[in-house]
Amino acid sequence: MDFIVSNNIHLAKTVVIQSGGSLEQPDGSFMIKDEYGPLMDSFVDFETAEEKWNLDLEYGDSVFIIYKLLPYEISPQPIEIYFMMKF
């Protein structure tokens, strides 16, 4: 538990989205939306998610993610996704 807290690692139930507010991702890319707003790992797109976690994602899918918040104050909030699975 200390590892999770000290490294700012989070667990969240989220939804895969293409747009949030005035932001829209190009085809093949996506954002994640949790209860607090949009999140995004700029290194993960649909192709990467399929390769890393064997996920065939579509917009609107519910996913569980383990991630780290990156220290930038922009929207969508930048994150680094360590693990993702559909439920």
N, C-alpha and C. Protein backbone atom coordinates (compact mmCIF):
# COMPACT_ATOMS: atom_id res chain seq x y z
N MET A 1 0.82 -1.20 0.00
CA MET A 1 0.00 0.00 0.00
C MET A 1 0.86 1.26 0.00
N ASP A 2 1.97 1.24 0.73
CA ASP A 2 2.86 2.40 0.74
C ASP A 2 3.38 2.71 -0.65
N PHE A 3 3.67 1.67 -1.44
CA PHE A 3 4.15 1.87 -2.80
C PHE A 3 3.11 2.63 -3.63
N ILE A 4 1.85 2.23 -3.50
CA ILE A 4 0.77 2.87 -4.27
C ILE A 4 0.64 4.33 -3.87
N VAL A 5 0.59 4.63 -2.60
CA VAL A 5 0.42 6.00 -2.12
C VAL A 5 1.63 6.86 -2.46
N SER A 6 2.83 6.37 -2.18
CA SER A 6 4.03 7.18 -2.39
C SER A 6 4.33 7.42 -3.87
N ASN A 7 3.84 6.57 -4.74
CA ASN A 7 4.08 6.75 -6.18
C ASN A 7 2.87 7.34 -6.91
N ASN A 8 1.88 7.80 -6.17
CA ASN A 8 0.72 8.48 -6.75
C ASN A 8 -0.01 7.60 -7.77
N ILE A 9 -0.18 6.32 -7.45
CA ILE A 9 -0.85 5.38 -8.34
C ILE A 9 -2.33 5.31 -7.95
N HIS A 10 -3.18 5.30 -8.99
CA HIS A 10 -4.64 5.32 -8.78
C HIS A 10 -5.29 4.15 -9.50
N LEU A 11 -6.46 3.78 -9.01
CA LEU A 11 -7.31 2.77 -9.63
C LEU A 11 -8.62 3.46 -9.96
N ALA A 12 -9.17 3.21 -11.14
CA ALA A 12 -10.41 3.89 -11.49
C ALA A 12 -11.26 3.08 -12.46
N LYS A 13 -12.57 3.20 -12.30
CA LYS A 13 -13.54 2.68 -13.26
C LYS A 13 -13.84 3.85 -14.19
N THR A 14 -13.61 3.66 -15.48
CA THR A 14 -13.69 4.77 -16.43
C THR A 14 -14.44 4.36 -17.70
N VAL A 15 -14.62 5.34 -18.60
CA VAL A 15 -15.26 5.12 -19.89
C VAL A 15 -14.34 5.68 -20.97
N VAL A 16 -14.23 4.96 -22.09
CA VAL A 16 -13.43 5.40 -23.23
C VAL A 16 -14.25 6.43 -24.02
N ILE A 17 -13.68 7.63 -24.22
CA ILE A 17 -14.40 8.68 -24.94
C ILE A 17 -13.52 9.26 -26.05
N GLN A 18 -14.17 9.90 -27.04
CA GLN A 18 -13.44 10.57 -28.11
C GLN A 18 -13.39 12.06 -27.87
N SER A 19 -14.44 12.60 -27.26
CA SER A 19 -14.46 14.05 -27.04
C SER A 19 -14.99 14.36 -25.65
N GLY A 20 -14.49 15.46 -25.11
CA GLY A 20 -14.93 15.93 -23.81
C GLY A 20 -14.89 17.44 -23.81
N GLY A 21 -16.05 18.07 -23.71
CA GLY A 21 -16.10 19.53 -23.81
C GLY A 21 -15.72 19.95 -25.22
N SER A 22 -14.74 20.83 -25.34
CA SER A 22 -14.30 21.29 -26.66
C SER A 22 -13.14 20.46 -27.21
N LEU A 23 -12.73 19.44 -26.47
CA LEU A 23 -11.61 18.60 -26.89
C LEU A 23 -12.11 17.39 -27.66
N GLU A 24 -11.44 17.08 -28.78
CA GLU A 24 -11.80 15.89 -29.53
C GLU A 24 -10.54 15.22 -30.04
N GLN A 25 -10.46 13.92 -29.85
CA GLN A 25 -9.31 13.15 -30.28
C GLN A 25 -9.52 12.66 -31.71
N PRO A 26 -8.44 12.57 -32.49
CA PRO A 26 -8.57 12.01 -33.84
C PRO A 26 -8.89 10.52 -33.76
N ASP A 27 -9.40 9.97 -34.86
CA ASP A 27 -9.72 8.54 -34.90
C ASP A 27 -8.50 7.72 -34.53
N GLY A 28 -8.71 6.69 -33.72
CA GLY A 28 -7.62 5.83 -33.29
C GLY A 28 -7.07 6.21 -31.93
N SER A 29 -7.33 7.44 -31.50
CA SER A 29 -6.90 7.90 -30.18
C SER A 29 -8.12 8.04 -29.30
N PHE A 30 -7.90 8.08 -28.00
CA PHE A 30 -9.03 8.22 -27.10
C PHE A 30 -8.61 8.86 -25.78
N MET A 31 -9.61 9.31 -25.06
CA MET A 31 -9.44 9.79 -23.69
C MET A 31 -10.20 8.83 -22.80
N ILE A 32 -9.93 8.93 -21.53
CA ILE A 32 -10.63 8.16 -20.51
C ILE A 32 -11.36 9.17 -19.64
N LYS A 33 -12.60 8.87 -19.30
CA LYS A 33 -13.35 9.78 -18.45
C LYS A 33 -13.72 9.06 -17.17
N ASP A 34 -13.32 9.66 -16.03
CA ASP A 34 -13.75 9.13 -14.75
C ASP A 34 -14.69 10.14 -14.12
N GLU A 35 -15.02 9.97 -12.87
CA GLU A 35 -15.98 10.86 -12.21
C GLU A 35 -15.50 12.30 -12.09
N TYR A 36 -14.19 12.54 -12.25
CA TYR A 36 -13.64 13.87 -12.08
C TYR A 36 -13.38 14.59 -13.40
N GLY A 37 -13.41 13.88 -14.51
CA GLY A 37 -13.18 14.51 -15.80
C GLY A 37 -12.32 13.68 -16.73
N PRO A 38 -11.93 14.27 -17.87
CA PRO A 38 -11.15 13.52 -18.85
C PRO A 38 -9.69 13.34 -18.45
N LEU A 39 -9.17 12.15 -18.76
CA LEU A 39 -7.77 11.79 -18.53
C LEU A 39 -7.21 11.28 -19.85
N MET A 40 -5.88 11.42 -20.05
CA MET A 40 -5.33 10.92 -21.29
C MET A 40 -3.87 10.53 -21.15
N ASP A 41 -3.55 9.35 -21.67
CA ASP A 41 -2.17 8.90 -21.83
C ASP A 41 -1.86 9.06 -23.31
N SER A 42 -1.02 10.03 -23.66
CA SER A 42 -0.77 10.32 -25.07
C SER A 42 -0.02 9.20 -25.79
N PHE A 43 0.49 8.21 -25.04
CA PHE A 43 1.20 7.09 -25.65
C PHE A 43 0.31 5.88 -25.86
N VAL A 44 -0.97 5.95 -25.47
CA VAL A 44 -1.87 4.81 -25.63
C VAL A 44 -3.01 5.19 -26.57
N ASP A 45 -3.14 4.43 -27.64
CA ASP A 45 -4.26 4.57 -28.55
C ASP A 45 -4.91 3.18 -28.68
N PHE A 46 -5.90 3.03 -29.56
CA PHE A 46 -6.58 1.74 -29.68
C PHE A 46 -5.61 0.61 -30.06
N GLU A 47 -4.69 0.90 -30.96
CA GLU A 47 -3.73 -0.12 -31.40
C GLU A 47 -2.81 -0.55 -30.26
N THR A 48 -2.32 0.42 -29.50
CA THR A 48 -1.44 0.11 -28.36
C THR A 48 -2.18 -0.68 -27.29
N ALA A 49 -3.42 -0.31 -27.00
CA ALA A 49 -4.22 -1.04 -26.00
C ALA A 49 -4.42 -2.49 -26.42
N GLU A 50 -4.61 -2.71 -27.72
CA GLU A 50 -4.78 -4.08 -28.19
C GLU A 50 -3.47 -4.87 -28.05
N GLU A 51 -2.36 -4.24 -28.35
CA GLU A 51 -1.07 -4.91 -28.25
C GLU A 51 -0.67 -5.19 -26.79
N LYS A 52 -0.82 -4.18 -25.92
CA LYS A 52 -0.37 -4.31 -24.53
C LYS A 52 -1.27 -5.17 -23.67
N TRP A 53 -2.59 -4.98 -23.82
CA TRP A 53 -3.53 -5.63 -22.89
C TRP A 53 -4.55 -6.53 -23.60
N ASN A 54 -4.37 -6.77 -24.90
CA ASN A 54 -5.27 -7.62 -25.68
C ASN A 54 -6.72 -7.14 -25.61
N LEU A 55 -6.89 -5.81 -25.76
CA LEU A 55 -8.22 -5.20 -25.68
C LEU A 55 -8.66 -4.66 -27.03
N ASP A 56 -9.85 -5.02 -27.44
CA ASP A 56 -10.46 -4.46 -28.64
C ASP A 56 -11.44 -3.40 -28.16
N LEU A 57 -10.95 -2.16 -28.04
CA LEU A 57 -11.75 -1.08 -27.46
C LEU A 57 -12.54 -0.31 -28.49
N GLU A 58 -13.66 0.24 -28.04
CA GLU A 58 -14.49 1.16 -28.82
C GLU A 58 -14.90 2.29 -27.91
N TYR A 59 -15.27 3.41 -28.51
CA TYR A 59 -15.77 4.53 -27.71
C TYR A 59 -17.01 4.08 -26.94
N GLY A 60 -17.08 4.44 -25.67
CA GLY A 60 -18.21 4.06 -24.83
C GLY A 60 -17.95 2.83 -23.96
N ASP A 61 -16.85 2.11 -24.23
CA ASP A 61 -16.54 0.93 -23.41
C ASP A 61 -16.17 1.34 -21.99
N SER A 62 -16.60 0.54 -21.03
CA SER A 62 -16.20 0.74 -19.64
C SER A 62 -14.92 -0.03 -19.40
N VAL A 63 -13.94 0.64 -18.81
CA VAL A 63 -12.65 0.00 -18.53
C VAL A 63 -12.20 0.33 -17.11
N PHE A 64 -11.45 -0.59 -16.55
CA PHE A 64 -10.81 -0.39 -15.26
C PHE A 64 -9.34 -0.11 -15.57
N ILE A 65 -8.78 0.96 -14.97
CA ILE A 65 -7.39 1.28 -15.23
C ILE A 65 -6.61 1.47 -13.93
N ILE A 66 -5.33 1.17 -14.01
CA ILE A 66 -4.37 1.49 -12.97
C ILE A 66 -3.44 2.51 -13.61
N TYR A 67 -3.30 3.68 -13.00
CA TYR A 67 -2.57 4.75 -13.65
C TYR A 67 -1.88 5.66 -12.65
N LYS A 68 -1.00 6.48 -13.19
CA LYS A 68 -0.31 7.49 -12.39
C LYS A 68 -0.62 8.85 -12.98
N LEU A 69 -0.99 9.79 -12.13
CA LEU A 69 -1.21 11.17 -12.58
C LEU A 69 0.14 11.82 -12.86
N LEU A 70 0.24 12.50 -13.98
CA LEU A 70 1.46 13.23 -14.29
C LEU A 70 1.29 14.67 -13.80
N PRO A 71 2.37 15.32 -13.44
CA PRO A 71 2.27 16.61 -12.75
C PRO A 71 2.03 17.83 -13.65
N TYR A 72 1.14 17.72 -14.60
CA TYR A 72 0.84 18.85 -15.48
C TYR A 72 -0.59 19.29 -15.23
N GLU A 73 -0.82 20.58 -15.19
CA GLU A 73 -2.15 21.11 -14.92
C GLU A 73 -2.81 21.55 -16.22
N ILE A 74 -3.14 20.56 -17.07
CA ILE A 74 -3.84 20.86 -18.32
C ILE A 74 -5.02 19.91 -18.43
N SER A 75 -5.86 20.16 -19.41
CA SER A 75 -6.99 19.26 -19.62
C SER A 75 -6.90 18.72 -21.04
N PRO A 76 -7.09 17.42 -21.25
CA PRO A 76 -7.35 16.41 -20.24
C PRO A 76 -6.12 16.15 -19.37
N GLN A 77 -6.36 15.73 -18.14
CA GLN A 77 -5.28 15.46 -17.19
C GLN A 77 -4.36 14.38 -17.75
N PRO A 78 -3.07 14.67 -17.92
CA PRO A 78 -2.15 13.64 -18.42
C PRO A 78 -1.91 12.54 -17.39
N ILE A 79 -1.93 11.30 -17.87
CA ILE A 79 -1.70 10.14 -17.01
C ILE A 79 -0.78 9.17 -17.72
N GLU A 80 -0.24 8.24 -16.95
CA GLU A 80 0.49 7.11 -17.51
C GLU A 80 -0.27 5.86 -17.09
N ILE A 81 -0.81 5.13 -18.08
CA ILE A 81 -1.61 3.94 -17.80
C ILE A 81 -0.69 2.73 -17.68
N TYR A 82 -0.80 2.02 -16.55
CA TYR A 82 -0.02 0.81 -16.32
C TYR A 82 -0.79 -0.45 -16.71
N PHE A 83 -2.09 -0.42 -16.53
CA PHE A 83 -2.91 -1.59 -16.80
C PHE A 83 -4.32 -1.15 -17.12
N MET A 84 -4.96 -1.89 -18.05
CA MET A 84 -6.33 -1.58 -18.44
C MET A 84 -7.06 -2.89 -18.75
N MET A 85 -8.31 -2.99 -18.30
CA MET A 85 -9.12 -4.14 -18.64
C MET A 85 -10.58 -3.73 -18.78
N LYS A 86 -11.30 -4.40 -19.68
CA LYS A 86 -12.73 -4.14 -19.88
C LYS A 86 -13.54 -4.85 -18.80
N PHE A 87 -14.70 -4.27 -18.48
CA PHE A 87 -15.62 -4.98 -17.59
C PHE A 87 -17.03 -4.70 -18.00
